[in-house]
Amino acid sequence: MKRRDDITKKQINDFKKKGFTIVAIAKKLGCGESTIYNILKGAGKEVHTDNCKVCGKEYTYIGNIQRSTCGEESCTKKRKVLIQKEDRKQDMGNVRPYSETTIIMIVQDIEKGRSAKEMAEMYGRDQDDVKRLINKIIADGTVGRVKRMLSAYKNSNTIRKGGSVRLL
């Protein structure tokens, strides 16, 4: 059966002018008679045009309820996946404070030549946020301090004794 949004009052009126009955119009359009009556009653509802958020194809809808896709199954599925990804990203809190341990690991990753994209994926963070942090810790000297601290750890037995050093 066709969705009501896919049938316009103009289509119905064209059939009526040709002499079709409501029953015949409903059969022709693949919907119920009540759908035809409801469309004819809702004369004040406007027909709107928009573009699908997934494929970009233009589509029309009737009334005030706006769809975000053209209604094709592939577009609807892709849109659901995009919404789920966005929800997961918000739930994960990808932009959140960095712990001292994370900063140390990021400095080590910088030394290993890892990209911001790789680090973002490893730590479940937003790539742009990782880039901002890297630029910040390079500019404010944190990278140098962490490297000196790691070097001091390697040259002493502080780690074995369980000593603790504050970075920031």
Protein backbone atom coordinates (compact mmCIF):
# COMPACT_ATOMS: atom_id res chain seq x y z
CA MET A 1 0.00 0.00 0.00
CA LYS A 2 1.19 3.50 -0.80
CA ARG A 3 1.93 5.98 1.94
CA ARG A 4 -0.33 8.94 2.24
CA ASP A 5 2.65 11.25 1.78
CA ASP A 6 3.19 9.79 -1.68
CA ILE A 7 -0.29 10.71 -2.96
CA THR A 8 -1.23 14.31 -3.73
CA LYS A 9 -4.60 16.00 -3.93
CA LYS A 10 -3.74 16.99 -7.51
CA GLN A 11 -3.40 13.32 -8.51
CA ILE A 12 -6.81 12.55 -7.03
CA ASN A 13 -8.45 15.53 -8.70
CA ASP A 14 -6.95 14.54 -12.06
CA PHE A 15 -8.58 11.11 -11.72
CA LYS A 16 -11.88 12.69 -10.61
CA LYS A 17 -11.90 14.93 -13.71
CA LYS A 18 -11.50 11.81 -15.84
CA GLY A 19 -14.61 10.34 -14.17
CA PHE A 20 -13.03 7.86 -11.76
CA THR A 21 -14.88 7.06 -8.54
CA ILE A 22 -13.18 7.20 -5.12
CA VAL A 23 -13.02 3.38 -5.07
CA ALA A 24 -11.41 3.31 -8.54
CA ILE A 25 -8.94 6.09 -7.61
CA ALA A 26 -7.94 4.19 -4.46
CA LYS A 27 -7.31 1.03 -6.47
CA LYS A 28 -5.40 2.97 -9.14
CA LEU A 29 -3.16 4.65 -6.53
CA GLY A 30 -2.76 1.50 -4.42
CA CYS A 31 -4.25 2.82 -1.21
CA GLY A 32 -7.46 2.62 0.80
CA GLU A 33 -10.59 4.68 0.15
CA SER A 34 -10.23 6.36 3.53
CA THR A 35 -6.81 7.64 2.46
CA ILE A 36 -8.39 9.32 -0.57
CA TYR A 37 -11.14 10.88 1.58
CA ASN A 38 -8.62 12.09 4.17
CA ILE A 39 -6.42 13.69 1.52
CA LEU A 40 -9.42 15.46 0.02
CA LYS A 41 -10.54 16.67 3.47
CA GLY A 42 -7.08 17.94 4.37
CA ALA A 43 -7.19 20.55 1.62
CA GLY A 44 -5.31 23.06 3.78
CA LYS A 45 -2.23 20.87 4.04
CA GLU A 46 0.62 22.20 1.98
CA VAL A 47 2.91 20.19 -0.25
CA HIS A 48 6.57 20.76 0.62
CA THR A 49 9.77 19.87 -1.23
CA ASP A 50 13.07 18.98 0.44
CA ASN A 51 16.30 17.13 -0.32
CA CYS A 52 17.17 13.74 1.14
CA LYS A 53 19.86 14.08 3.84
CA VAL A 54 21.55 10.89 2.56
CA CYS A 55 21.39 10.79 -1.25
CA GLY A 56 20.47 14.42 -1.97
CA LYS A 57 17.47 13.43 -4.12
CA GLU A 58 14.55 15.86 -4.07
CA TYR A 59 11.29 14.56 -2.54
CA THR A 60 7.91 16.00 -1.55
CA TYR A 61 5.90 15.60 1.62
CA ILE A 62 2.48 16.79 2.71
CA GLY A 63 1.69 18.55 5.97
CA ASN A 64 3.91 19.64 8.80
CA ILE A 65 5.76 16.38 9.50
CA GLN A 66 9.09 16.67 7.72
CA ARG A 67 11.02 13.54 6.79
CA SER A 68 14.80 13.55 6.66
CA THR A 69 15.14 11.03 3.81
CA CYS A 70 13.45 10.44 0.47
CA GLY A 71 11.84 7.29 1.87
CA GLU A 72 13.91 4.76 -0.07
CA GLU A 73 14.89 1.82 2.10
CA SER A 74 18.64 2.24 1.56
CA CYS A 75 18.49 5.93 2.56
CA THR A 76 16.38 5.18 5.63
CA LYS A 77 18.86 2.51 6.78
CA LYS A 78 21.88 4.77 6.20
CA ARG A 79 20.19 7.61 8.10
CA LYS A 80 19.51 5.31 11.09
CA VAL A 81 23.18 4.24 11.13
CA LEU A 82 24.32 7.89 11.02
CA ILE A 83 22.00 8.79 13.90
CA GLN A 84 23.25 5.82 15.95
CA LYS A 85 26.88 6.82 15.33
CA GLU A 86 26.14 10.39 16.40
CA ASP A 87 24.36 9.14 19.54
CA ARG A 88 27.28 6.85 20.40
CA LYS A 89 29.74 9.70 19.90
CA GLN A 90 27.77 11.89 22.32
CA ASP A 91 27.41 9.02 24.81
CA MET A 92 31.16 8.33 24.74
CA GLY A 93 31.93 11.92 25.65
CA ASN A 94 34.72 12.11 23.07
CA VAL A 95 35.69 15.59 24.25
CA ARG A 96 36.47 15.13 27.91
CA PRO A 97 39.34 16.08 30.23
CA TYR A 98 42.67 14.32 29.75
CA SER A 99 44.31 12.55 32.67
CA GLU A 100 48.02 12.89 33.34
CA THR A 101 48.47 9.26 32.33
CA THR A 102 46.78 9.90 28.98
CA ILE A 103 49.02 12.92 28.38
CA ILE A 104 52.10 10.77 29.08
CA MET A 105 50.85 8.11 26.63
CA ILE A 106 50.15 10.76 23.98
CA VAL A 107 53.67 12.18 24.36
CA GLN A 108 55.03 8.65 23.91
CA ASP A 109 52.83 8.21 20.83
CA ILE A 110 54.14 11.49 19.41
CA GLU A 111 57.69 10.15 19.87
CA LYS A 112 56.65 6.93 18.06
CA GLY A 113 55.37 9.02 15.14
CA ARG A 114 51.70 8.13 15.49
CA SER A 115 49.16 10.44 13.85
CA ALA A 116 46.39 12.26 15.69
CA LYS A 117 43.89 10.05 13.86
CA GLU A 118 45.57 6.87 15.18
CA MET A 119 45.68 8.27 18.72
CA ALA A 120 42.02 9.35 18.56
CA GLU A 121 41.00 5.83 17.54
CA MET A 122 43.20 4.21 20.22
CA TYR A 123 41.87 6.37 23.04
CA GLY A 124 38.25 6.72 21.87
CA ARG A 125 38.61 10.47 21.42
CA ASP A 126 37.59 13.07 18.87
CA GLN A 127 40.38 13.54 16.30
CA ASP A 128 40.16 17.36 16.32
CA ASP A 129 40.29 17.36 20.12
CA VAL A 130 43.45 15.22 20.07
CA LYS A 131 45.03 17.63 17.56
CA ARG A 132 44.17 20.58 19.84
CA LEU A 133 45.71 18.81 22.83
CA ILE A 134 48.89 17.97 20.91
CA ASN A 135 49.30 21.60 19.79
CA LYS A 136 48.61 22.82 23.34
CA ILE A 137 51.08 20.49 25.08
CA ILE A 138 53.78 21.27 22.51
CA ALA A 139 53.22 25.03 22.88
CA ASP A 140 53.10 25.11 26.70
CA GLY A 141 56.17 22.90 27.18
CA THR A 142 54.36 19.88 28.63
CA VAL A 143 55.91 17.59 26.00
CA GLY A 144 59.42 18.62 27.07
CA ARG A 145 58.60 18.15 30.77
CA VAL A 146 57.11 14.69 30.16
CA LYS A 147 60.13 13.63 28.09
CA ARG A 148 62.51 14.80 30.87
CA MET A 149 60.41 13.01 33.48
CA LEU A 150 60.38 9.76 31.47
CA SER A 151 64.11 10.04 30.96
CA ALA A 152 64.62 10.52 34.70
CA TYR A 153 62.46 7.46 35.38
CA LYS A 154 64.53 5.38 33.00
CA ASN A 155 67.77 6.52 34.63
CA SER A 156 66.62 5.87 38.18
CA ASN A 157 64.74 3.22 40.06
CA THR A 158 61.84 5.54 40.97
CA ILE A 159 59.36 3.29 39.16
CA ARG A 160 60.48 0.23 41.08
CA LYS A 161 60.17 2.07 44.40
CA GLY A 162 56.64 3.22 43.54
CA GLY A 163 57.51 6.91 43.58
CA SER A 164 55.07 9.43 42.19
CA VAL A 165 55.67 12.63 40.25
CA ARG A 166 53.10 15.30 39.34
CA LEU A 167 53.16 16.59 35.77
CA LEU A 168 50.87 19.56 35.84
